[in-house]
C-alpha atoms as a PDB file:
ATOM      1  CA  MET A   1      15.588  27.650  25.631  1.00  0.00           C
ATOM      2  CA  ARG A   2      15.951  28.286  21.237  1.00  0.00           C
ATOM      3  CA  SER A   3      18.777  25.719  21.684  1.00  0.00           C
ATOM      4  CA  GLN A   4      15.838  23.154  22.847  1.00  0.00           C
ATOM      5  CA  ALA A   5      13.483  24.038  21.037  1.00  0.00           C
ATOM      6  CA  LEU A   6      16.606  23.491  17.589  1.00  0.00           C
ATOM      7  CA  ARG A   7      17.528  19.948  19.346  1.00  0.00           C
ATOM      8  CA  ALA A   8      13.892  17.870  19.976  1.00  0.00           C
ATOM      9  CA  ASP A   9      13.093  19.036  16.225  1.00  0.00           C
ATOM     10  CA  LEU A  10      15.791  18.172  14.649  1.00  0.00           C
ATOM     11  CA  LEU A  11      15.307  15.027  17.026  1.00  0.00           C
ATOM     12  CA  MET A  12      11.838  14.925  15.557  1.00  0.00           C
ATOM     13  CA  LEU A  13      13.233  14.612  11.736  1.00  0.00           C
ATOM     14  CA  LEU A  14      15.492  11.928  13.283  1.00  0.00           C
ATOM     15  CA  THR A  15      12.667   9.644  14.908  1.00  0.00           C
ATOM     16  CA  ALA A  16      10.772  10.487  11.208  1.00  0.00           C
ATOM     17  CA  MET A  17      13.431   9.719   9.276  1.00  0.00           C
ATOM     18  CA  ILE A  18      13.700   6.422  10.959  1.00  0.00           C
ATOM     19  CA  TRP A  19      10.375   5.539  10.468  1.00  0.00           C
ATOM     20  CA  GLY A  20      10.250   6.712   7.187  1.00  0.00           C
ATOM     21  CA  SER A  21      13.304   4.216   6.752  1.00  0.00           C
ATOM     22  CA  ALA A  22      11.479   1.097   8.582  1.00  0.00           C
ATOM     23  CA  PHE A  23       9.042   0.873   5.848  1.00  0.00           C
ATOM     24  CA  VAL A  24      11.917  -0.683   3.110  1.00  0.00           C
ATOM     25  CA  ALA A  25      12.892  -2.907   6.736  1.00  0.00           C
ATOM     26  CA  GLN A  26       9.019  -4.106   6.958  1.00  0.00           C
ATOM     27  CA  ARG A  27       8.875  -4.701   3.055  1.00  0.00           C
ATOM     28  CA  LEU A  28      12.682  -6.583   2.873  1.00  0.00           C
ATOM     29  CA  GLY A  29      12.267  -8.876   6.047  1.00  0.00           C
ATOM     30  CA  MET A  30       9.174 -10.135   3.789  1.00  0.00           C
ATOM     31  CA  ASP A  31      11.436 -11.373   1.327  1.00  0.00           C
ATOM     32  CA  SER A  32      12.683 -14.599   3.562  1.00  0.00           C
ATOM     33  CA  ILE A  33       9.350 -15.234   5.817  1.00  0.00           C
ATOM     34  CA  GLY A  34       5.590 -14.100   6.952  1.00  0.00           C
ATOM     35  CA  PRO A  35       4.175 -10.642   7.095  1.00  0.00           C
ATOM     36  CA  LEU A  36       2.558 -12.304  10.111  1.00  0.00           C
ATOM     37  CA  LEU A  37       6.350 -13.801  12.285  1.00  0.00           C
ATOM     38  CA  TYR A  38       7.905 -10.374  11.348  1.00  0.00           C
ATOM     39  CA  SER A  39       5.624  -8.254  13.583  1.00  0.00           C
ATOM     40  CA  GLY A  40       5.853 -10.722  15.905  1.00  0.00           C
ATOM     41  CA  LEU A  41       9.695 -10.618  15.973  1.00  0.00           C
ATOM     42  CA  ARG A  42      10.052  -6.948  15.883  1.00  0.00           C
ATOM     43  CA  PHE A  43       7.985  -6.269  18.668  1.00  0.00           C
ATOM     44  CA  THR A  44       8.908  -9.027  20.482  1.00  0.00           C
ATOM     45  CA  LEU A  45      12.664  -7.532  19.831  1.00  0.00           C
ATOM     46  CA  ALA A  46      11.051  -3.836  20.790  1.00  0.00           C
ATOM     47  CA  THR A  47       9.961  -5.517  23.921  1.00  0.00           C
ATOM     48  CA  LEU A  48      12.783  -7.176  25.588  1.00  0.00           C
ATOM     49  CA  ILE A  49      14.818  -4.281  25.043  1.00  0.00           C
ATOM     50  CA  LEU A  50      13.044  -1.572  26.793  1.00  0.00           C
ATOM     51  CA  LEU A  51      11.629  -4.313  29.400  1.00  0.00           C
ATOM     52  CA  PRO A  52      15.146  -4.303  31.323  1.00  0.00           C
ATOM     53  CA  LEU A  53      15.223   0.015  30.190  1.00  0.00           C
ATOM     54  CA  LEU A  54      11.306   0.333  32.435  1.00  0.00           C
ATOM     55  CA  PRO A  55      12.989   0.868  36.136  1.00  0.00           C
ATOM     56  CA  LEU A  56      16.163   3.707  34.462  1.00  0.00           C
ATOM     57  CA  LEU A  57      13.021   5.669  32.353  1.00  0.00           C
ATOM     58  CA  GLU A  58      10.031   5.525  35.322  1.00  0.00           C
ATOM     59  CA  GLN A  59      12.700   7.427  37.227  1.00  0.00           C
ATOM     60  CA  ARG A  60      14.267   9.575  34.688  1.00  0.00           C
ATOM     61  CA  SER A  61      10.534  10.398  33.524  1.00  0.00           C
ATOM     62  CA  ARG A  62       9.028  10.970  37.084  1.00  0.00           C
ATOM     63  CA  SER A  63      10.194  12.134  40.484  1.00  0.00           C
ATOM     64  CA  THR A  64       7.643  10.236  42.799  1.00  0.00           C
ATOM     65  CA  PRO A  65       7.546   5.965  42.326  1.00  0.00           C
ATOM     66  CA  THR A  66       5.669   4.519  40.696  1.00  0.00           C
ATOM     67  CA  PRO A  67       2.137   2.628  41.355  1.00  0.00           C
ATOM     68  CA  PRO A  68       3.059  -1.064  40.211  1.00  0.00           C
ATOM     69  CA  LEU A  69       1.052  -2.895  37.439  1.00  0.00           C
ATOM     70  CA  ASN A  70      -3.154  -3.240  38.141  1.00  0.00           C
ATOM     71  CA  ARG A  71      -5.489  -4.966  35.980  1.00  0.00           C
ATOM     72  CA  GLN A  72      -6.351  -1.625  34.819  1.00  0.00           C
ATOM     73  CA  LEU A  73      -3.664  -0.992  33.287  1.00  0.00           C
ATOM     74  CA  LEU A  74      -2.587  -4.188  31.960  1.00  0.00           C
ATOM     75  CA  LEU A  75      -6.361  -4.171  30.057  1.00  0.00           C
ATOM     76  CA  GLY A  76      -5.545  -0.325  28.839  1.00  0.00           C
ATOM     77  CA  GLY A  77      -2.464  -1.837  27.605  1.00  0.00           C
ATOM     78  CA  GLY A  78      -4.069  -5.138  26.202  1.00  0.00           C
ATOM     79  CA  LEU A  79      -6.494  -3.156  24.282  1.00  0.00           C
ATOM     80  CA  MET A  80      -4.005  -1.183  22.964  1.00  0.00           C
ATOM     81  CA  GLY A  81      -1.945  -4.085  21.413  1.00  0.00           C
ATOM     82  CA  LEU A  82      -5.146  -4.747  20.399  1.00  0.00           C
ATOM     83  CA  ALA A  83      -5.425  -2.680  18.717  1.00  0.00           C
ATOM     84  CA  LEU A  84      -1.584  -2.188  16.973  1.00  0.00           C
ATOM     85  CA  ALA A  85      -1.655  -5.607  16.109  1.00  0.00           C
ATOM     86  CA  LEU A  86      -4.767  -6.327  13.988  1.00  0.00           C
ATOM     87  CA  GLY A  87      -3.078  -2.289  12.696  1.00  0.00           C
ATOM     88  CA  ILE A  88       0.481  -3.326  12.376  1.00  0.00           C
ATOM     89  CA  ASN A  89      -0.017  -6.857  10.017  1.00  0.00           C
ATOM     90  CA  LEU A  90      -2.990  -4.959   7.869  1.00  0.00           C
ATOM     91  CA  GLN A  91       0.550  -2.856   6.996  1.00  0.00           C
ATOM     92  CA  GLN A  92       2.936  -5.062   6.777  1.00  0.00           C
ATOM     93  CA  VAL A  93       0.746  -7.826   4.400  1.00  0.00           C
ATOM     94  CA  GLY A  94      -0.045  -4.728   2.176  1.00  0.00           C
ATOM     95  CA  LEU A  95       2.776  -4.110   1.868  1.00  0.00           C
ATOM     96  CA  LEU A  96       3.494  -7.451  -0.362  1.00  0.00           C
ATOM     97  CA  PHE A  97       0.799  -5.897  -2.465  1.00  0.00           C
ATOM     98  CA  THR A  98       2.011  -2.174  -2.546  1.00  0.00           C
ATOM     99  CA  SER A  99       4.651  -0.189  -2.677  1.00  0.00           C
ATOM    100  CA  VAL A 100       6.621   1.251   0.216  1.00  0.00           C
ATOM    101  CA  THR A 101       6.252   4.202  -1.408  1.00  0.00           C
ATOM    102  CA  ASN A 102       1.842   4.634  -1.065  1.00  0.00           C
ATOM    103  CA  ALA A 103       1.709   2.254   1.686  1.00  0.00           C
ATOM    104  CA  GLY A 104       3.996   5.493   4.056  1.00  0.00           C
ATOM    105  CA  PHE A 105       1.500   8.288   2.722  1.00  0.00           C
ATOM    106  CA  ILE A 106      -1.489   5.852   3.152  1.00  0.00           C
ATOM    107  CA  THR A 107      -0.879   5.017   6.758  1.00  0.00           C
ATOM    108  CA  GLY A 108      -0.344   9.016   7.282  1.00  0.00           C
ATOM    109  CA  LEU A 109      -3.949   8.994   6.827  1.00  0.00           C
ATOM    110  CA  TYR A 110      -4.141   8.285  10.173  1.00  0.00           C
ATOM    111  CA  VAL A 111      -4.168  12.090  11.450  1.00  0.00           C
ATOM    112  CA  ILE A 112      -7.604  12.292   9.356  1.00  0.00           C
ATOM    113  CA  ILE A 113      -8.901  10.176  10.332  1.00  0.00           C
ATOM    114  CA  VAL A 114      -8.948  10.405  13.983  1.00  0.00           C
ATOM    115  CA  PRO A 115     -10.228  13.994  13.968  1.00  0.00           C
ATOM    116  CA  LEU A 116     -13.205  12.349  12.242  1.00  0.00           C
ATOM    117  CA  PHE A 117     -13.533   9.786  14.342  1.00  0.00           C
ATOM    118  CA  GLY A 118     -14.120  12.018  17.509  1.00  0.00           C
ATOM    119  CA  LEU A 119     -16.945  13.582  15.774  1.00  0.00           C
ATOM    120  CA  LEU A 120     -19.424   9.932  16.112  1.00  0.00           C
ATOM    121  CA  VAL A 121     -17.365  11.495  20.291  1.00  0.00           C
ATOM    122  CA  GLY A 122     -19.200  14.581  19.709  1.00  0.00           C
ATOM    123  CA  GLN A 123     -15.586  15.719  19.116  1.00  0.00           C
ATOM    124  CA  LYS A 124     -15.786  18.850  17.302  1.00  0.00           C
ATOM    125  CA  THR A 125     -13.988  19.111  13.979  1.00  0.00           C
ATOM    126  CA  GLY A 126     -12.993  22.632  12.354  1.00  0.00           C
ATOM    127  CA  LEU A 127     -12.702  22.923   8.609  1.00  0.00           C
ATOM    128  CA  GLY A 128      -9.049  22.871   8.023  1.00  0.00           C
ATOM    129  CA  ILE A 129      -9.696  18.555   9.160  1.00  0.00           C
ATOM    130  CA  TRP A 130     -12.551  18.779   6.085  1.00  0.00           C
ATOM    131  CA  LEU A 131     -10.325  20.909   3.592  1.00  0.00           C
ATOM    132  CA  GLY A 132      -7.441  18.627   4.540  1.00  0.00           C
ATOM    133  CA  ALA A 133      -9.246  15.307   3.921  1.00  0.00           C
ATOM    134  CA  SER A 134     -10.342  16.910   0.782  1.00  0.00           C
ATOM    135  CA  LEU A 135      -6.839  17.109  -0.419  1.00  0.00           C
ATOM    136  CA  ALA A 136      -5.751  14.002   0.770  1.00  0.00           C
ATOM    137  CA  VAL A 137      -8.915  11.838  -0.195  1.00  0.00           C
ATOM    138  CA  LEU A 138      -8.043  13.293  -4.295  1.00  0.00           C
ATOM    139  CA  GLY A 139      -4.220  12.527  -3.556  1.00  0.00           C
ATOM    140  CA  MET A 140      -4.912   8.882  -2.636  1.00  0.00           C
ATOM    141  CA  PHE A 141      -7.122   8.858  -6.036  1.00  0.00           C
ATOM    142  CA  LEU A 142      -4.074   9.858  -8.244  1.00  0.00           C
ATOM    143  CA  LEU A 143      -0.939   7.839  -6.554  1.00  0.00           C
ATOM    144  CA  SER A 144      -4.055   4.536  -5.689  1.00  0.00           C
ATOM    145  CA  VAL A 145      -6.285   4.406  -8.926  1.00  0.00           C
ATOM    146  CA  GLY A 146      -5.184   2.864 -11.788  1.00  0.00           C
ATOM    147  CA  GLU A 147      -6.594   1.695 -15.886  1.00  0.00           C
ATOM    148  CA  GLY A 148     -10.350   0.866 -15.188  1.00  0.00           C
ATOM    149  CA  PHE A 149     -10.545   2.976 -11.841  1.00  0.00           C
ATOM    150  CA  GLN A 150      -9.170  -0.074  -9.939  1.00  0.00           C
ATOM    151  CA  VAL A 151      -6.859  -0.028  -6.497  1.00  0.00           C
ATOM    152  CA  ALA A 152      -4.717  -2.306  -5.681  1.00  0.00           C
ATOM    153  CA  SER A 153      -5.632  -4.680  -3.091  1.00  0.00           C
ATOM    154  CA  GLY A 154      -1.965  -3.440  -1.337  1.00  0.00           C
ATOM    155  CA  ASP A 155      -3.468  -0.238  -1.503  1.00  0.00           C
ATOM    156  CA  TRP A 156      -7.174  -1.333   0.130  1.00  0.00           C
ATOM    157  CA  LEU A 157      -5.706  -3.014   2.873  1.00  0.00           C
ATOM    158  CA  GLN A 158      -3.162  -0.169   4.067  1.00  0.00           C
ATOM    159  CA  LEU A 159      -5.903   2.029   4.151  1.00  0.00           C
ATOM    160  CA  ALA A 160      -7.557  -0.109   7.003  1.00  0.00           C
ATOM    161  CA  GLY A 161      -5.010   0.244   8.479  1.00  0.00           C
ATOM    162  CA  ALA A 162      -4.789   3.898   8.695  1.00  0.00           C
ATOM    163  CA  ALA A 163      -8.180   3.267  10.285  1.00  0.00           C
ATOM    164  CA  VAL A 164      -7.160   0.886  12.979  1.00  0.00           C
ATOM    165  CA  TRP A 165      -4.028   3.479  13.563  1.00  0.00           C
ATOM    166  CA  ALA A 166      -7.460   5.580  13.952  1.00  0.00           C
ATOM    167  CA  VAL A 167      -8.590   4.156  16.647  1.00  0.00           C
ATOM    168  CA  HIS A 168      -5.418   2.625  18.724  1.00  0.00           C
ATOM    169  CA  VAL A 169      -5.087   6.593  18.444  1.00  0.00           C
ATOM    170  CA  LEU A 170      -7.810   7.476  20.284  1.00  0.00           C
ATOM    171  CA  LEU A 171      -7.011   4.382  23.216  1.00  0.00           C
ATOM    172  CA  VAL A 172      -3.964   5.748  23.363  1.00  0.00           C
ATOM    173  CA  GLY A 173      -5.691   9.039  23.987  1.00  0.00           C
ATOM    174  CA  VAL A 174      -7.694   7.624  27.259  1.00  0.00           C
ATOM    175  CA  PHE A 175      -5.350   5.161  28.495  1.00  0.00           C
ATOM    176  CA  ALA A 176      -2.158   7.322  28.592  1.00  0.00           C
ATOM    177  CA  ARG A 177      -4.042   9.323  31.016  1.00  0.00           C
ATOM    178  CA  ARG A 178      -4.627   7.425  33.652  1.00  0.00           C
ATOM    179  CA  HIS A 179      -1.809   4.932  33.689  1.00  0.00           C
ATOM    180  CA  ASP A 180       2.085   6.227  33.415  1.00  0.00           C
ATOM    181  CA  PRO A 181       2.469   6.063  29.498  1.00  0.00           C
ATOM    182  CA  LEU A 182       6.182   3.741  29.638  1.00  0.00           C
ATOM    183  CA  ARG A 183       4.041   0.954  31.484  1.00  0.00           C
ATOM    184  CA  LEU A 184       1.523   0.943  28.527  1.00  0.00           C
ATOM    185  CA  ALA A 185       4.173   1.077  25.324  1.00  0.00           C
ATOM    186  CA  VAL A 186       5.805  -1.843  27.010  1.00  0.00           C
ATOM    187  CA  VAL A 187       2.686  -3.775  27.565  1.00  0.00           C
ATOM    188  CA  GLN A 188       0.807  -2.934  24.135  1.00  0.00           C
ATOM    189  CA  PHE A 189       4.186  -3.774  22.309  1.00  0.00           C
ATOM    190  CA  ALA A 190       4.045  -7.554  24.375  1.00  0.00           C
ATOM    191  CA  THR A 191       0.556  -8.162  23.698  1.00  0.00           C
ATOM    192  CA  CYS A 192       0.804  -7.066  19.466  1.00  0.00           C
ATOM    193  CA  ALA A 193       3.802  -9.694  19.729  1.00  0.00           C
ATOM    194  CA  LEU A 194       2.176 -12.517  21.438  1.00  0.00           C
ATOM    195  CA  ILE A 195      -0.805 -11.755  18.819  1.00  0.00           C
ATOM    196  CA  SER A 196       0.946 -11.744  16.080  1.00  0.00           C
ATOM    197  CA  LEU A 197       3.604 -15.080  16.530  1.00  0.00           C
ATOM    198  CA  LEU A 198       0.751 -16.987  17.649  1.00  0.00           C
ATOM    199  CA  LEU A 199      -1.104 -16.063  14.341  1.00  0.00           C
ATOM    200  CA  ALA A 200       2.168 -16.937  12.959  1.00  0.00           C
ATOM    201  CA  LEU A 201       2.201 -20.162  14.190  1.00  0.00           C
ATOM    202  CA  LEU A 202      -0.946 -21.107  12.757  1.00  0.00           C
ATOM    203  CA  PHE A 203      -1.368 -19.919   9.219  1.00  0.00           C
ATOM    204  CA  GLU A 204       2.319 -19.443   8.473  1.00  0.00           C
ATOM    205  CA  ASP A 205       5.481 -21.758   7.699  1.00  0.00           C
ATOM    206  CA  ILE A 206       8.098 -20.929  10.784  1.00  0.00           C
ATOM    207  CA  HIS A 207      12.370 -21.604   9.265  1.00  0.00           C
ATOM    208  CA  LEU A 208      14.438 -21.434  12.031  1.00  0.00           C
ATOM    209  CA  ASP A 209      16.994 -20.709   8.667  1.00  0.00           C
ATOM    210  CA  SER A 210      14.668 -18.224   7.319  1.00  0.00           C
ATOM    211  CA  ILE A 211      14.416 -15.974  10.382  1.00  0.00           C
ATOM    212  CA  ILE A 212      18.298 -15.992  10.923  1.00  0.00           C
ATOM    213  CA  ALA A 213      18.348 -14.535   6.349  1.00  0.00           C
ATOM    214  CA  ALA A 214      15.998 -11.557   8.024  1.00  0.00           C
ATOM    215  CA  GLY A 215      16.976 -10.990  10.471  1.00  0.00           C
ATOM    216  CA  PRO A 216      19.361  -7.629   9.518  1.00  0.00           C
ATOM    217  CA  ALA A 217      14.939  -6.222   8.750  1.00  0.00           C
ATOM    218  CA  ILE A 218      13.517  -8.027  12.434  1.00  0.00           C
ATOM    219  CA  LEU A 219      16.732  -5.998  13.837  1.00  0.00           C
ATOM    220  CA  TYR A 220      15.877  -3.221  11.898  1.00  0.00           C
ATOM    221  CA  GLY A 221      12.234  -2.796  12.930  1.00  0.00           C
ATOM    222  CA  GLY A 222      12.750  -3.726  16.393  1.00  0.00           C
ATOM    223  CA  LEU A 223      16.111  -1.822  17.345  1.00  0.00           C
ATOM    224  CA  PHE A 224      15.123   1.516  15.297  1.00  0.00           C
ATOM    225  CA  GLY A 225      11.931   1.344  13.932  1.00  0.00           C
ATOM    226  CA  VAL A 226      10.062   0.660  17.813  1.00  0.00           C
ATOM    227  CA  ALA A 227      12.072   1.108  20.201  1.00  0.00           C
ATOM    228  CA  ILE A 228      14.838   4.389  19.427  1.00  0.00           C
ATOM    229  CA  GLY A 229      12.223   5.241  18.175  1.00  0.00           C
ATOM    230  CA  PHE A 230      10.191   5.725  20.509  1.00  0.00           C
ATOM    231  CA  THR A 231      12.508   6.628  23.343  1.00  0.00           C
ATOM    232  CA  LEU A 232      13.704   9.579  20.670  1.00  0.00           C
ATOM    233  CA  GLN A 233      10.124  10.633  20.082  1.00  0.00           C
ATOM    234  CA  VAL A 234       9.632  11.434  24.037  1.00  0.00           C
ATOM    235  CA  VAL A 235      12.652  12.742  24.633  1.00  0.00           C
ATOM    236  CA  ALA A 236      12.440  15.085  21.444  1.00  0.00           C
ATOM    237  CA  GLN A 237       8.478  16.305  22.572  1.00  0.00           C
ATOM    238  CA  LYS A 238       9.568  17.624  26.089  1.00  0.00           C
ATOM    239  CA  HIS A 239      10.499  20.694  24.421  1.00  0.00           C
ATOM    240  CA  ALA A 240       8.768  20.725  20.941  1.00  0.00           C
ATOM    241  CA  ILE A 241       6.087  22.802  20.415  1.00  0.00           C
ATOM    242  CA  ALA A 242       2.891  20.808  19.724  1.00  0.00           C
ATOM    243  CA  ALA A 243       2.510  22.260  16.048  1.00  0.00           C
ATOM    244  CA  HIS A 244       6.093  21.505  15.216  1.00  0.00           C
ATOM    245  CA  ALA A 245       5.986  17.930  16.150  1.00  0.00           C
ATOM    246  CA  ALA A 246       2.695  16.977  13.886  1.00  0.00           C
ATOM    247  CA  ILE A 247       4.600  18.775  10.648  1.00  0.00           C
ATOM    248  CA  ILE A 248       8.578  17.255  11.073  1.00  0.00           C
ATOM    249  CA  LEU A 249       6.608  13.666  12.258  1.00  0.00           C
ATOM    250  CA  SER A 250       4.523  13.856   9.860  1.00  0.00           C
ATOM    251  CA  LEU A 251       7.180  14.017   7.076  1.00  0.00           C
ATOM    252  CA  GLU A 252       7.643   9.730   7.740  1.00  0.00           C
ATOM    253  CA  ALA A 253       5.618   9.253   4.461  1.00  0.00           C
ATOM    254  CA  VAL A 254       8.157  11.341   2.930  1.00  0.00           C
ATOM    255  CA  PHE A 255      10.713   9.456   3.658  1.00  0.00           C
ATOM    256  CA  ALA A 256       9.238   6.249   3.097  1.00  0.00           C
ATOM    257  CA  ALA A 257       8.808   7.381  -0.255  1.00  0.00           C
ATOM    258  CA  ILE A 258      12.975   9.301  -0.177  1.00  0.00           C
ATOM    259  CA  ALA A 259      13.701   5.422   1.325  1.00  0.00           C
ATOM    260  CA  GLY A 260      11.699   3.366  -1.057  1.00  0.00           C
ATOM    261  CA  ALA A 261      13.226   5.076  -4.216  1.00  0.00           C
ATOM    262  CA  TRP A 262      17.036   4.610  -3.027  1.00  0.00           C
ATOM    263  CA  LEU A 263      16.840   1.194  -1.410  1.00  0.00           C
ATOM    264  CA  LEU A 264      14.125  -0.140  -3.733  1.00  0.00           C
ATOM    265  CA  GLY A 265      14.382   1.515  -6.833  1.00  0.00           C
ATOM    266  CA  GLU A 266      10.668   2.231  -6.425  1.00  0.00           C
ATOM    267  CA  ALA A 267       9.529   5.253  -8.776  1.00  0.00           C
ATOM    268  CA  LEU A 268       6.063   6.829  -9.371  1.00  0.00           C
ATOM    269  CA  GLN A 269       4.265   8.313 -12.444  1.00  0.00           C
ATOM    270  CA  LEU A 270       4.031  11.987 -12.500  1.00  0.00           C
ATOM    271  CA  ARG A 271       0.482  12.168 -11.358  1.00  0.00           C
ATOM    272  CA  GLY A 272       1.487   9.867  -8.760  1.00  0.00           C
ATOM    273  CA  TYR A 273       3.862  12.419  -6.836  1.00  0.00           C
ATOM    274  CA  ALA A 274       0.678  14.801  -7.406  1.00  0.00           C
ATOM    275  CA  GLY A 275      -0.657  12.830  -5.660  1.00  0.00           C
ATOM    276  CA  CYS A 276       1.921  12.171  -2.914  1.00  0.00           C
ATOM    277  CA  ALA A 277       2.335  16.250  -2.286  1.00  0.00           C
ATOM    278  CA  LEU A 278      -1.671  16.764  -2.352  1.00  0.00           C
ATOM    279  CA  MET A 279      -1.923  13.803   0.305  1.00  0.00           C
ATOM    280  CA  LEU A 280       0.518  16.003   2.766  1.00  0.00           C
ATOM    281  CA  ALA A 281      -1.113  18.801   1.942  1.00  0.00           C
ATOM    282  CA  GLY A 282      -3.954  17.399   3.141  1.00  0.00           C
ATOM    283  CA  MET A 283      -2.422  15.911   6.227  1.00  0.00           C
ATOM    284  CA  LEU A 284      -0.518  19.394   7.294  1.00  0.00           C
ATOM    285  CA  LEU A 285      -3.762  21.399   6.601  1.00  0.00           C
ATOM    286  CA  ALA A 286      -5.469  18.756   8.805  1.00  0.00           C
ATOM    287  CA  GLN A 287      -3.189  19.438  11.194  1.00  0.00           C
ATOM    288  CA  LEU A 288      -2.200  23.360  11.243  1.00  0.00           C
ATOM    289  CA  TRP A 289      -5.535  25.080  10.083  1.00  0.00           C
ATOM    290  CA  PRO A 290      -7.462  24.124  13.590  1.00  0.00           C
ATOM    291  CA  LYS A 291      -7.689  27.058  17.010  1.00  0.00           C
ATOM    292  CA  ASN A 292      -6.629  24.346  18.941  1.00  0.00           C
ATOM    293  CA  PRO A 293      -3.911  22.499  16.873  1.00  0.00           C
ATOM    294  CA  VAL A 294      -3.408  19.124  18.832  1.00  0.00           C
ATOM    295  CA  GLU A 295      -0.511  16.342  18.503  1.00  0.00           C
ATOM    296  CA  LEU A 296      -1.048  13.954  16.168  1.00  0.00           C
ATOM    297  CA  VAL A 297       1.668  11.144  16.235  1.00  0.00           C
ATOM    298  CA  ARG A 298       2.236   8.071  14.499  1.00  0.00           C
ATOM    299  CA  PRO A 299       0.768   4.939  16.649  1.00  0.00           C
ATOM    300  CA  ARG A 300       3.212   2.819  16.370  1.00  0.00           C
ATOM    301  CA  LEU A 301       4.899   1.496  19.660  1.00  0.00           C
ATOM    302  CA  THR A 302       5.575   5.157  19.892  1.00  0.00           C
ATOM    303  CA  GLU A 303       2.802   7.054  20.449  1.00  0.00           C
ATOM    304  CA  THR A 304       1.532   5.887  23.896  1.00  0.00           C
ATOM    305  CA  THR A 305       4.336   7.160  25.407  1.00  0.00           C
ATOM    306  CA  ALA A 306       4.502  10.958  23.987  1.00  0.00           C
ATOM    307  CA  SER A 307       0.554  11.620  25.025  1.00  0.00           C
ATOM    308  CA  ALA A 308       1.931  12.072  28.772  1.00  0.00           C
ATOM    309  CA  ASP A 309       5.106  14.875  27.888  1.00  0.00           C
ATOM    310  CA  ALA A 310       2.211  16.932  25.390  1.00  0.00           C
ATOM    311  CA  PRO A 311      -1.084  17.807  24.254  1.00  0.00           C
ATOM    312  CA  ARG A 312      -4.070  14.884  24.053  1.00  0.00           C
ATOM    313  CA  HIS A 313      -4.412  13.634  21.266  1.00  0.00           C
ATOM    314  CA  SER A 314      -7.592  15.320  19.468  1.00  0.00           C
ATOM    315  CA  GLY A 315     -10.126  12.660  19.371  1.00  0.00           C
ATOM    316  CA  ARG A 316      -4.738  10.907  18.535  1.00  0.00           C
ATOM    317  CA  PRO A 317      -2.090   6.568  19.142  1.00  0.00           C
ATOM    318  CA  ARG A 318       2.388   6.383  17.180  1.00  0.00           C
ATOM    319  CA  GLU A 319       3.170   4.729  17.185  1.00  0.00           C
ATOM    320  CA  GLU A 320       4.139   4.678  18.351  1.00  0.00           C
ATOM    321  CA  LEU A 321       4.481   5.877  21.814  1.00  0.00           C
END
């Protein structure tokens, strides 16, 4: 049991590293193609990778046959995919106007926004959420507010994206209880890919040579950030303690900052690092304080599946799967 828990923690640490470094791939991918096309192509790649593996994954995760696709599952996956498309593209466009470090920490605020949104549907919110939210707001002020009390447009887009991630988490919490999470994941990925590609056709110039130039970033974002990150999370959380999962996966923001500094040469002033520390402290406090901790994992594709194997979200959609 102890070795299983250690293995699960190490796998989740690897997942957080992959997700954090994926911010760099998202930023580099836009050196050649637009943000909408990048999102569409990487989620298309993830869908194409997972689709043929779906029967095998279902066979390993379930002892009874899975019912065929139905209208309710397609509707749930479609709504999740719509929220995913909005959240990921707000994040992607925001990366044009802010740093990877800012994007990683501000996106992580969804772990606080989820239970706050839960108040709208009558769910209770503990003192830890309010304390954590206060620390996170102060941290974001130090990180994002510059001279003249101005906030970069990219930071506002990341904050809007975090709010959409929170909605996505709530949707996952509803539909993953009713339908097979693996199939939901594939449907939401395909929906996100379709919406992003359609928007790219309408608003961006598309050239084959540009897509080829962005190939490595698309490959990393789709294969590692989405498909492999999702699989690692599902495998790890079969033997993980919910509190451990929340803490380790929230380190995604830290790994995003490390990757941004190492690979892109990003640097913050002292107040920026203090803001990051306060935001991380707020996220951890919000996850650890409640009497009945719930799992708050990132809504990329990765979040959806985990919600079937782990305690239900407060309210939370990583994911991401």
